[in-house]
N, C-alpha and C. Protein backbone atom coordinates (compact mmCIF):
# COMPACT_ATOMS: atom_id res chain seq x y z
N UNK A 1 81.81 81.31 80.09
CA UNK A 1 82.11 81.78 79.12
C UNK A 1 81.45 81.65 77.97
N UNK A 2 81.90 82.08 76.61
CA UNK A 2 81.10 81.51 75.57
C UNK A 2 81.88 80.63 74.76
N UNK A 3 81.30 80.15 73.87
CA UNK A 3 81.78 78.84 72.92
C UNK A 3 83.17 79.49 72.22
N UNK A 4 83.90 78.62 72.27
CA UNK A 4 85.19 78.93 71.49
C UNK A 4 85.46 78.11 70.18
N UNK A 5 85.92 78.81 69.30
CA UNK A 5 86.32 77.98 68.14
C UNK A 5 87.52 77.84 67.83
N UNK A 6 87.89 76.39 67.65
CA UNK A 6 89.20 75.81 67.66
C UNK A 6 89.86 75.65 66.13
N UNK A 7 91.04 76.03 65.97
CA UNK A 7 91.54 75.92 64.42
C UNK A 7 91.61 74.61 64.24
N UNK A 8 91.39 73.72 63.02
CA UNK A 8 91.32 72.63 62.67
C UNK A 8 92.78 72.33 62.30
N UNK A 9 93.80 73.25 62.00
CA UNK A 9 95.27 73.18 61.78
C UNK A 9 96.23 73.00 62.92
N UNK A 10 96.04 73.80 63.93
CA UNK A 10 97.08 74.05 64.84
C UNK A 10 96.29 73.94 66.42
N UNK A 11 95.11 73.73 66.54
CA UNK A 11 94.06 73.58 67.65
C UNK A 11 94.19 74.90 68.53
N UNK A 12 94.69 76.10 67.88
CA UNK A 12 94.63 77.41 68.45
C UNK A 12 93.08 77.42 68.85
N UNK A 13 92.56 78.41 70.02
CA UNK A 13 91.51 78.66 70.15
C UNK A 13 91.06 80.18 70.05
N UNK A 14 89.88 80.29 69.56
CA UNK A 14 89.50 81.87 69.10
C UNK A 14 88.03 82.13 69.78
N UNK A 15 87.53 83.35 70.36
CA UNK A 15 86.48 83.76 70.80
C UNK A 15 85.38 83.68 69.55
N UNK A 16 85.73 83.98 68.56
CA UNK A 16 84.78 84.01 67.42
C UNK A 16 85.15 83.52 66.03
N UNK A 17 83.98 83.07 65.46
CA UNK A 17 84.30 82.56 64.08
C UNK A 17 85.03 83.42 62.97
N UNK A 18 85.10 84.74 63.32
CA UNK A 18 85.69 85.94 62.63
C UNK A 18 87.14 85.91 62.91
N UNK A 19 87.28 85.55 64.22
CA UNK A 19 88.90 85.72 64.87
C UNK A 19 89.49 84.41 64.54
N UNK A 20 88.77 83.35 64.52
CA UNK A 20 89.42 81.99 63.62
C UNK A 20 89.69 82.38 62.24
N UNK A 21 88.62 82.48 61.25
CA UNK A 21 88.85 82.66 60.13
C UNK A 21 89.87 83.83 59.80
N UNK A 22 90.33 84.93 60.55
CA UNK A 22 91.53 86.01 60.11
C UNK A 22 92.72 85.04 60.53
N UNK A 23 92.72 84.34 61.56
CA UNK A 23 93.88 83.45 61.73
C UNK A 23 94.29 82.50 60.86
N UNK A 24 93.51 81.70 60.30
CA UNK A 24 93.58 80.97 59.16
C UNK A 24 93.83 81.34 57.67
N UNK A 25 93.33 82.78 57.50
CA UNK A 25 93.75 83.47 56.48
C UNK A 25 95.11 83.74 56.60
N UNK A 26 95.75 84.39 57.96
CA UNK A 26 97.02 84.97 57.96
C UNK A 26 98.08 83.74 57.97
N UNK A 27 97.49 82.60 58.97
CA UNK A 27 98.56 81.64 59.10
C UNK A 27 98.49 80.46 58.64
N UNK A 28 97.64 80.04 58.00
CA UNK A 28 97.39 78.96 57.13
C UNK A 28 97.13 79.09 55.69
N UNK A 29 97.28 80.35 55.44
CA UNK A 29 97.45 80.24 53.79
C UNK A 29 96.16 80.46 53.34
N UNK A 30 95.24 81.18 53.97
CA UNK A 30 93.95 81.46 53.02
C UNK A 30 93.12 80.28 53.05
N UNK A 31 92.96 79.21 54.08
CA UNK A 31 92.00 78.24 54.10
C UNK A 31 90.87 78.35 54.72
N UNK A 32 90.51 79.43 54.77
CA UNK A 32 89.36 80.17 55.65
C UNK A 32 87.69 79.43 55.19
N UNK A 33 87.78 78.75 54.03
CA UNK A 33 86.85 78.29 53.37
C UNK A 33 86.23 77.28 54.03
N UNK A 34 87.13 76.38 54.77
CA UNK A 34 86.73 75.32 55.41
C UNK A 34 85.80 75.56 56.70
N UNK A 35 86.14 76.99 57.08
CA UNK A 35 85.27 77.23 58.15
C UNK A 35 84.04 78.19 57.87
N UNK A 36 83.70 77.99 56.48
CA UNK A 36 82.25 78.59 55.87
C UNK A 36 82.54 80.16 55.76
N UNK A 37 83.67 80.19 55.40
CA UNK A 37 83.95 81.76 55.06
C UNK A 37 84.29 82.07 53.67
N UNK A 38 82.88 82.62 53.08
CA UNK A 38 82.91 82.54 51.67
C UNK A 38 82.85 83.84 51.51
N UNK A 39 83.49 85.25 52.00
CA UNK A 39 83.66 86.46 51.79
C UNK A 39 84.27 86.56 50.32
N UNK A 40 85.12 85.64 49.78
CA UNK A 40 85.93 85.93 48.87
C UNK A 40 85.26 85.53 47.41
N UNK A 41 84.27 84.76 47.75
CA UNK A 41 83.64 84.16 46.71
C UNK A 41 82.22 84.68 46.11
């Protein structure tokens, strides 16, 4: 399998950085910037 991305807040695992970023945006109050998500800036 490919690399998995782990949420730094809750240890959930995701198949892509995009999925991880969406999870962080939804669940952890938009802290996606920590994962390099600069779409809002």
